[in-house]
N, C-alpha and C. Protein backbone atom coordinates (compact mmCIF):
# COMPACT_ATOMS: atom_id res chain seq x y z
N MET A 1 105.25 133.03 -3.04
CA MET A 1 105.11 133.65 -1.70
C MET A 1 106.42 134.37 -1.49
N LEU A 2 106.27 135.39 -0.77
CA LEU A 2 107.39 136.40 -0.24
C LEU A 2 108.14 135.77 0.75
N LYS A 3 109.42 135.75 0.87
CA LYS A 3 110.24 135.45 2.19
C LYS A 3 110.08 136.65 3.02
N SER A 4 109.73 136.33 4.21
CA SER A 4 109.45 137.31 5.16
C SER A 4 109.83 136.82 6.67
N ASN A 5 110.34 137.74 7.49
CA ASN A 5 110.43 137.02 8.78
C ASN A 5 109.29 137.56 9.82
N LEU A 6 108.22 137.95 9.32
CA LEU A 6 107.11 138.35 10.06
C LEU A 6 106.34 137.24 10.79
N VAL A 7 105.92 137.27 11.87
CA VAL A 7 105.19 136.41 12.74
C VAL A 7 103.74 136.95 12.67
N VAL A 8 103.04 136.24 11.82
CA VAL A 8 101.81 136.79 11.38
C VAL A 8 100.78 136.40 12.40
N GLU A 9 100.92 135.48 13.30
CA GLU A 9 100.20 134.99 14.50
C GLU A 9 100.11 135.93 15.39
N GLN A 10 100.99 136.77 15.79
CA GLN A 10 100.98 137.70 16.75
C GLN A 10 100.27 139.06 16.42
N LEU A 11 99.80 139.17 15.18
CA LEU A 11 99.06 140.25 14.84
C LEU A 11 97.60 140.09 15.12
N SER A 12 96.88 141.48 15.28
CA SER A 12 95.31 141.35 15.35
C SER A 12 94.94 140.65 14.15
N ASN A 13 93.63 140.15 14.34
CA ASN A 13 92.88 139.51 13.23
C ASN A 13 92.67 140.30 12.09
N GLY A 14 92.32 141.66 12.17
CA GLY A 14 92.18 142.54 11.09
C GLY A 14 93.38 142.70 10.09
N LEU A 15 94.44 142.71 10.83
CA LEU A 15 95.84 142.84 10.13
C LEU A 15 96.41 141.67 9.55
N LYS A 16 96.06 140.48 10.39
CA LYS A 16 96.55 139.23 10.05
C LYS A 16 96.07 138.67 8.60
N SER A 17 94.83 139.01 8.25
CA SER A 17 94.49 138.57 6.88
C SER A 17 95.00 139.34 5.84
N ILE A 18 95.31 140.62 6.04
CA ILE A 18 95.76 141.55 4.99
C ILE A 18 97.24 141.33 4.85
N VAL A 19 97.99 141.16 5.99
CA VAL A 19 99.45 140.81 5.81
C VAL A 19 99.72 139.27 5.06
N GLN A 20 98.89 138.49 5.47
CA GLN A 20 98.98 137.33 4.71
C GLN A 20 98.54 137.34 3.33
N LYS A 21 97.70 138.17 2.79
CA LYS A 21 97.70 138.51 1.36
C LYS A 21 98.84 139.16 0.89
N VAL A 22 99.37 140.11 1.53
CA VAL A 22 100.66 140.65 0.96
C VAL A 22 101.81 139.58 0.88
N ILE A 23 101.97 138.74 1.82
CA ILE A 23 102.98 137.91 1.79
C ILE A 23 102.90 136.79 0.47
N ASN A 24 101.47 136.53 0.50
CA ASN A 24 101.24 135.55 -0.66
C ASN A 24 101.20 136.23 -2.18
N GLN A 25 101.55 137.31 -2.02
CA GLN A 25 101.52 138.30 -3.32
C GLN A 25 100.03 138.34 -3.88
N GLU A 26 99.07 138.63 -3.16
CA GLU A 26 97.86 138.83 -3.54
C GLU A 26 97.62 140.20 -3.37
N ARG A 27 96.74 140.83 -4.38
CA ARG A 27 96.32 142.16 -4.41
C ARG A 27 95.35 142.44 -3.20
N ILE A 28 95.66 143.52 -2.60
CA ILE A 28 94.63 143.97 -1.48
C ILE A 28 93.84 145.14 -2.06
N THR A 29 92.65 145.17 -1.47
CA THR A 29 91.73 146.11 -1.84
C THR A 29 91.98 147.59 -1.26
N GLU A 30 91.29 148.48 -1.84
CA GLU A 30 91.61 149.85 -1.25
C GLU A 30 91.25 149.92 0.04
N LYS A 31 90.01 149.32 0.57
CA LYS A 31 89.64 149.34 2.01
C LYS A 31 90.72 148.85 2.81
N GLU A 32 91.28 147.57 2.29
CA GLU A 32 92.40 147.03 3.07
C GLU A 32 93.78 147.82 3.27
N GLY A 33 94.10 148.58 2.28
CA GLY A 33 94.97 149.55 2.21
C GLY A 33 94.90 150.61 3.25
N LEU A 34 93.58 151.32 3.12
CA LEU A 34 93.38 152.18 4.11
C LEU A 34 93.42 151.78 5.50
N PHE A 35 92.99 150.65 5.74
CA PHE A 35 92.90 149.96 7.17
C PHE A 35 94.43 149.76 7.56
N LEU A 36 95.44 149.32 6.80
CA LEU A 36 96.68 149.24 6.96
C LEU A 36 97.21 150.68 7.21
N TYR A 37 96.96 151.61 6.41
CA TYR A 37 97.40 152.85 6.75
C TYR A 37 97.09 153.41 8.07
N THR A 38 95.81 153.27 8.50
CA THR A 38 95.51 153.88 9.59
C THR A 38 95.73 153.00 10.98
N LYS A 39 95.66 151.74 10.86
CA LYS A 39 95.81 150.77 12.06
C LYS A 39 97.18 150.23 12.14
N ALA A 40 97.78 150.10 11.21
CA ALA A 40 99.23 149.37 11.36
C ALA A 40 100.30 150.04 11.90
N PRO A 41 100.96 149.60 12.67
CA PRO A 41 102.28 150.19 13.08
C PRO A 41 103.28 150.44 11.98
N LEU A 42 103.87 151.67 11.99
CA LEU A 42 104.77 151.88 11.06
C LEU A 42 105.88 151.00 10.50
N ALA A 43 106.31 150.28 11.75
CA ALA A 43 107.29 149.24 11.45
C ALA A 43 106.75 147.97 10.65
N LEU A 44 105.55 147.82 10.78
CA LEU A 44 104.90 146.70 10.01
C LEU A 44 104.85 147.15 8.38
N LEU A 45 104.40 148.17 8.22
CA LEU A 45 104.20 148.87 6.79
C LEU A 45 105.86 148.91 6.03
N ALA A 46 106.63 149.35 6.96
CA ALA A 46 107.97 149.36 6.33
C ALA A 46 108.58 148.03 6.02
N THR A 47 108.20 147.02 6.87
CA THR A 47 108.62 145.66 6.64
C THR A 47 107.99 145.06 5.38
N LEU A 48 106.63 145.26 5.37
CA LEU A 48 105.98 144.81 4.10
C LEU A 48 106.30 145.56 2.79
N ALA A 49 106.57 146.89 2.82
CA ALA A 49 107.17 147.48 1.69
C ALA A 49 108.46 146.98 1.16
N ASN A 50 109.31 146.70 2.29
CA ASN A 50 110.81 146.29 1.98
C ASN A 50 110.65 144.87 1.36
N THR A 51 109.84 144.19 1.85
CA THR A 51 109.72 142.66 1.44
C THR A 51 109.34 142.72 0.18
N ILE A 52 108.42 143.51 -0.41
CA ILE A 52 107.93 143.62 -1.72
C ILE A 52 108.89 144.11 -2.65
N ARG A 53 109.62 145.18 -1.98
CA ARG A 53 110.71 146.03 -2.90
C ARG A 53 111.95 144.91 -3.25
N GLU A 54 112.41 144.16 -2.22
CA GLU A 54 113.22 143.01 -2.44
C GLU A 54 112.96 142.07 -3.39
N GLN A 55 111.72 141.58 -3.47
CA GLN A 55 111.24 140.60 -4.41
C GLN A 55 111.43 141.17 -5.83
N LYS A 56 110.79 142.30 -6.00
CA LYS A 56 110.91 143.05 -7.29
C LYS A 56 111.94 143.40 -7.91
N ASN A 57 112.95 143.85 -6.93
CA ASN A 57 114.25 144.19 -7.39
C ASN A 57 115.52 143.20 -7.30
N ASP A 58 115.02 142.03 -6.94
CA ASP A 58 116.18 140.94 -6.77
C ASP A 58 116.82 141.38 -5.47
N ASN A 59 116.44 142.02 -4.48
CA ASN A 59 117.17 142.47 -3.19
C ASN A 59 118.37 143.32 -3.56
N LYS A 60 118.22 144.12 -4.66
CA LYS A 60 119.31 145.10 -4.78
C LYS A 60 118.86 146.36 -4.24
N ARG A 61 119.65 147.03 -3.46
CA ARG A 61 119.45 148.42 -2.98
C ARG A 61 119.37 149.46 -4.19
N ILE A 62 118.45 150.28 -4.22
CA ILE A 62 118.33 151.24 -5.21
C ILE A 62 118.70 152.75 -4.55
N PHE A 63 119.43 153.37 -5.18
CA PHE A 63 119.63 154.73 -4.54
C PHE A 63 119.77 155.63 -5.64
N PRO A 64 119.17 156.84 -5.48
CA PRO A 64 119.03 157.73 -6.57
C PRO A 64 120.46 158.19 -7.01
N GLN A 65 120.67 158.35 -8.32
CA GLN A 65 121.90 158.86 -8.80
C GLN A 65 121.63 160.36 -8.93
N ILE A 66 122.95 160.87 -8.30
CA ILE A 66 122.76 162.23 -8.13
C ILE A 66 123.62 162.83 -9.26
N ILE A 67 123.08 163.77 -10.14
CA ILE A 67 123.67 164.42 -11.35
C ILE A 67 124.00 165.82 -10.96
N LEU A 68 125.09 166.21 -11.19
CA LEU A 68 125.66 167.66 -10.78
C LEU A 68 125.57 168.30 -12.22
N LEU A 69 124.83 169.33 -12.22
CA LEU A 69 124.96 170.05 -13.61
C LEU A 69 125.56 171.42 -13.42
N PRO A 70 126.28 171.87 -14.21
CA PRO A 70 127.09 173.10 -14.05
C PRO A 70 126.06 174.26 -14.27
N LEU A 71 125.95 175.09 -13.40
CA LEU A 71 124.98 176.26 -13.43
C LEU A 71 125.71 177.44 -14.30
N PRO A 72 124.81 177.96 -15.19
CA PRO A 72 125.44 178.96 -16.07
C PRO A 72 125.73 180.23 -15.30
N GLN A 73 126.61 180.95 -15.62
CA GLN A 73 126.95 182.22 -14.89
C GLN A 73 126.18 183.32 -15.53
N TYR A 74 125.55 184.04 -14.65
CA TYR A 74 124.60 185.08 -14.80
C TYR A 74 125.29 186.51 -14.48
N GLU A 75 124.95 187.49 -15.40
CA GLU A 75 125.68 188.76 -15.16
C GLU A 75 124.49 189.38 -14.64
N LEU A 76 124.76 190.22 -13.66
CA LEU A 76 123.64 191.29 -13.02
C LEU A 76 123.69 192.57 -13.97
N LEU A 77 122.36 192.78 -14.35
CA LEU A 77 122.09 193.90 -15.22
C LEU A 77 121.43 194.90 -14.42
N ILE A 78 121.82 196.09 -14.05
CA ILE A 78 121.11 197.08 -13.35
C ILE A 78 120.85 198.21 -14.48
N LEU A 79 119.37 198.45 -14.41
CA LEU A 79 118.83 199.30 -15.06
C LEU A 79 118.53 200.60 -14.42
N ASP A 80 118.94 201.81 -14.97
CA ASP A 80 118.63 203.02 -14.16
C ASP A 80 117.52 203.74 -14.83
């Protein structure tokens, strides 16, 4: 079971069962995912996604590594 600070009892009945499945690490159906996408507040989606991310990555923050590559120098060739 995921560690989450969500108060599931305050959610609507439609969201409550889906959120409980996510917290229990159960797979949700495509229909349930679409319901979350259309009906759930953005803050709830972000909290659920972050909870799952923390569980999968041992609560490590993941930042993309920026790689700077030197650009080749181009000469301008003008044809008359």
